[in-house]
């Protein structure tokens, strides 16, 4: 894994093209040492049949932005994977809303990192906290499991 400790939004746009987050329309806004943020502009692909943002979309946005925050807290050459996440959604998203996630590290250890993601919905210029996600990451040392073909 390359050193991603100084990754910027433009780097994400380049290497994430064609990936699941890019296909969902997740856009990086900021990636700094103490937080990362990204957003989705809600369109029809983000909705469940009832017309509200699907739970998987909230999860994908939060997990993706948590990953960007994790890049800044792991040692160079390390990789990681999500091992657990807990999402609470307490507000609905609808077509045309902007959903913005802000991820901040709560813990960065030798083998795990824990990131909290607060997710706001912006509608008609008004921002409202609508979801909270806590993500635990397992940190993988270079070549810990042999060649990186896992």
Protein backbone atom coordinates (compact mmCIF):
# COMPACT_ATOMS: atom_id res chain seq x y z
CA UNK A 1 0.00 0.00 0.00
CA UNK A 2 1.45 3.40 -0.89
CA UNK A 3 1.85 6.11 1.73
CA UNK A 4 -1.57 7.73 1.92
CA UNK A 5 -0.80 9.90 4.94
CA UNK A 6 -1.07 13.09 2.88
CA UNK A 7 -3.81 12.02 0.46
CA UNK A 8 -5.96 14.92 -0.80
CA UNK A 9 -9.43 15.02 -2.37
CA UNK A 10 -7.98 15.26 -5.90
CA UNK A 11 -6.04 12.01 -5.25
CA UNK A 12 -9.27 10.28 -4.27
CA UNK A 13 -11.00 11.50 -7.42
CA UNK A 14 -8.14 10.03 -9.51
CA UNK A 15 -7.74 6.60 -7.93
CA UNK A 16 -11.38 5.97 -7.00
CA UNK A 17 -12.78 6.38 -10.53
CA UNK A 18 -14.89 3.35 -11.41
CA UNK A 19 -15.08 2.13 -7.80
CA UNK A 20 -18.23 1.54 -5.71
CA UNK A 21 -17.98 4.92 -3.92
CA UNK A 22 -17.48 6.76 -7.21
CA UNK A 23 -20.39 4.90 -8.79
CA UNK A 24 -22.57 6.06 -5.88
CA UNK A 25 -21.51 9.64 -6.50
CA UNK A 26 -19.55 10.06 -3.25
CA UNK A 27 -17.41 13.18 -3.59
CA UNK A 28 -14.44 14.04 -1.37
CA UNK A 29 -14.55 17.54 0.11
CA UNK A 30 -11.69 17.69 2.64
CA UNK A 31 -9.04 15.30 3.91
CA UNK A 32 -6.94 16.69 6.76
CA UNK A 33 -5.00 15.16 9.64
CA UNK A 34 -7.90 15.57 12.08
CA UNK A 35 -10.90 14.89 9.82
CA UNK A 36 -12.20 14.02 6.38
CA UNK A 37 -15.46 14.99 4.73
CA UNK A 38 -17.42 13.98 1.68
CA UNK A 39 -20.89 14.23 0.26
CA UNK A 40 -23.59 12.78 -1.93
CA UNK A 41 -26.09 14.84 -3.89
CA UNK A 42 -29.16 12.61 -3.62
CA UNK A 43 -30.58 11.35 -6.90
CA UNK A 44 -32.92 8.47 -7.74
CA UNK A 45 -30.22 5.75 -7.43
CA UNK A 46 -29.88 6.58 -3.71
CA UNK A 47 -33.54 5.99 -2.85
CA UNK A 48 -35.38 2.92 -1.63
CA UNK A 49 -38.80 2.20 -3.20
CA UNK A 50 -40.50 4.37 -0.55
CA UNK A 51 -38.63 7.44 -1.83
CA UNK A 52 -36.15 8.00 1.00
CA UNK A 53 -32.36 7.54 1.07
CA UNK A 54 -31.55 3.83 1.45
CA UNK A 55 -29.73 2.74 4.62
CA UNK A 56 -26.97 1.28 2.50
CA UNK A 57 -26.28 4.72 1.05
CA UNK A 58 -25.87 6.29 4.51
CA UNK A 59 -23.55 3.38 5.38
CA UNK A 60 -21.51 3.56 2.17
CA UNK A 61 -21.02 7.31 2.51
CA UNK A 62 -19.99 7.05 6.15
CA UNK A 63 -17.68 4.06 5.66
CA UNK A 64 -16.02 5.70 2.67
CA UNK A 65 -15.34 8.99 4.44
CA UNK A 66 -14.12 7.05 7.50
CA UNK A 67 -11.61 5.33 5.20
CA UNK A 68 -10.29 8.71 4.07
CA UNK A 69 -9.81 9.74 7.70
CA UNK A 70 -8.09 6.41 8.40
CA UNK A 71 -5.51 7.11 5.67
CA UNK A 72 -4.19 9.96 7.82
CA UNK A 73 -3.79 7.95 11.07
CA UNK A 74 -2.13 4.70 9.94
CA UNK A 75 1.61 4.16 9.48
CA UNK A 76 3.04 4.41 5.95
CA UNK A 77 2.71 1.16 4.02
CA UNK A 78 -0.11 -0.17 6.21
CA UNK A 79 -3.50 -1.15 4.83
CA UNK A 80 -6.79 -1.57 6.67
CA UNK A 81 -10.25 -3.02 6.45
CA UNK A 82 -13.51 -2.27 8.24
CA UNK A 83 -14.19 -4.87 10.92
CA UNK A 84 -17.27 -3.38 12.52
CA UNK A 85 -19.61 -0.46 12.06
CA UNK A 86 -22.69 0.84 13.77
CA UNK A 87 -25.06 3.24 12.06
CA UNK A 88 -27.92 5.21 13.58
CA UNK A 89 -30.12 7.16 11.16
CA UNK A 90 -32.57 9.54 12.81
CA UNK A 91 -33.60 11.77 9.91
CA UNK A 92 -34.72 11.01 6.37
CA UNK A 93 -32.98 11.98 3.16
CA UNK A 94 -34.97 12.74 0.00
CA UNK A 95 -34.37 13.40 -3.67
CA UNK A 96 -32.35 16.61 -4.13
CA UNK A 97 -30.87 16.66 -0.62
CA UNK A 98 -27.15 17.05 -0.02
CA UNK A 99 -25.83 14.49 2.48
CA UNK A 100 -22.48 15.50 4.04
CA UNK A 101 -20.33 13.22 6.21
CA UNK A 102 -17.57 14.41 8.54
CA UNK A 103 -15.25 11.71 9.92
CA UNK A 104 -12.95 12.17 12.91
CA UNK A 105 -10.58 9.64 14.48
CA UNK A 106 -11.47 8.64 18.05
CA UNK A 107 -8.62 6.11 18.42
CA UNK A 108 -5.55 5.21 16.38
CA UNK A 109 -3.62 2.30 17.83
CA UNK A 110 -1.17 -0.34 16.63
CA UNK A 111 -3.82 -2.74 15.34
CA UNK A 112 -7.08 -0.79 15.22
CA UNK A 113 -8.47 2.63 14.47
CA UNK A 114 -11.93 3.88 15.43
CA UNK A 115 -13.54 6.67 13.43
CA UNK A 116 -16.76 8.55 14.22
CA UNK A 117 -18.77 9.94 11.32
CA UNK A 118 -21.49 12.55 11.76
CA UNK A 119 -23.76 12.85 8.74
CA UNK A 120 -25.82 15.97 8.02
CA UNK A 121 -28.62 16.43 5.55
CA UNK A 122 -28.82 19.80 3.86
CA UNK A 123 -32.22 20.73 2.45
CA UNK A 124 -33.32 24.21 1.39
CA UNK A 125 -30.10 25.61 2.88
CA UNK A 126 -30.80 24.13 6.32
CA UNK A 127 -28.38 21.57 7.78
CA UNK A 128 -29.62 18.88 10.16
CA UNK A 129 -27.69 16.07 11.83
CA UNK A 130 -29.40 12.91 10.55
CA UNK A 131 -27.03 10.00 11.19
CA UNK A 132 -24.06 8.87 13.24
CA UNK A 133 -21.69 6.05 12.30
CA UNK A 134 -18.84 4.54 14.30
CA UNK A 135 -16.36 2.47 12.29
CA UNK A 136 -13.65 0.15 13.64
CA UNK A 137 -10.77 -0.55 11.27
CA UNK A 138 -8.29 -3.44 11.49
CA UNK A 139 -4.81 -2.20 10.58
CA UNK A 140 -2.76 -4.53 8.39
CA UNK A 141 1.03 -4.26 8.49
CA UNK A 142 2.92 -4.57 5.18
CA UNK A 143 3.24 -8.24 4.20
CA UNK A 144 1.69 -9.36 7.50
CA UNK A 145 -0.31 -11.97 5.61
CA UNK A 146 2.19 -12.66 2.84
CA UNK A 147 1.90 -11.09 -0.60
CA UNK A 148 -0.84 -8.49 -0.88
CA UNK A 149 -3.19 -10.79 -2.78
CA UNK A 150 -5.76 -11.20 -0.02
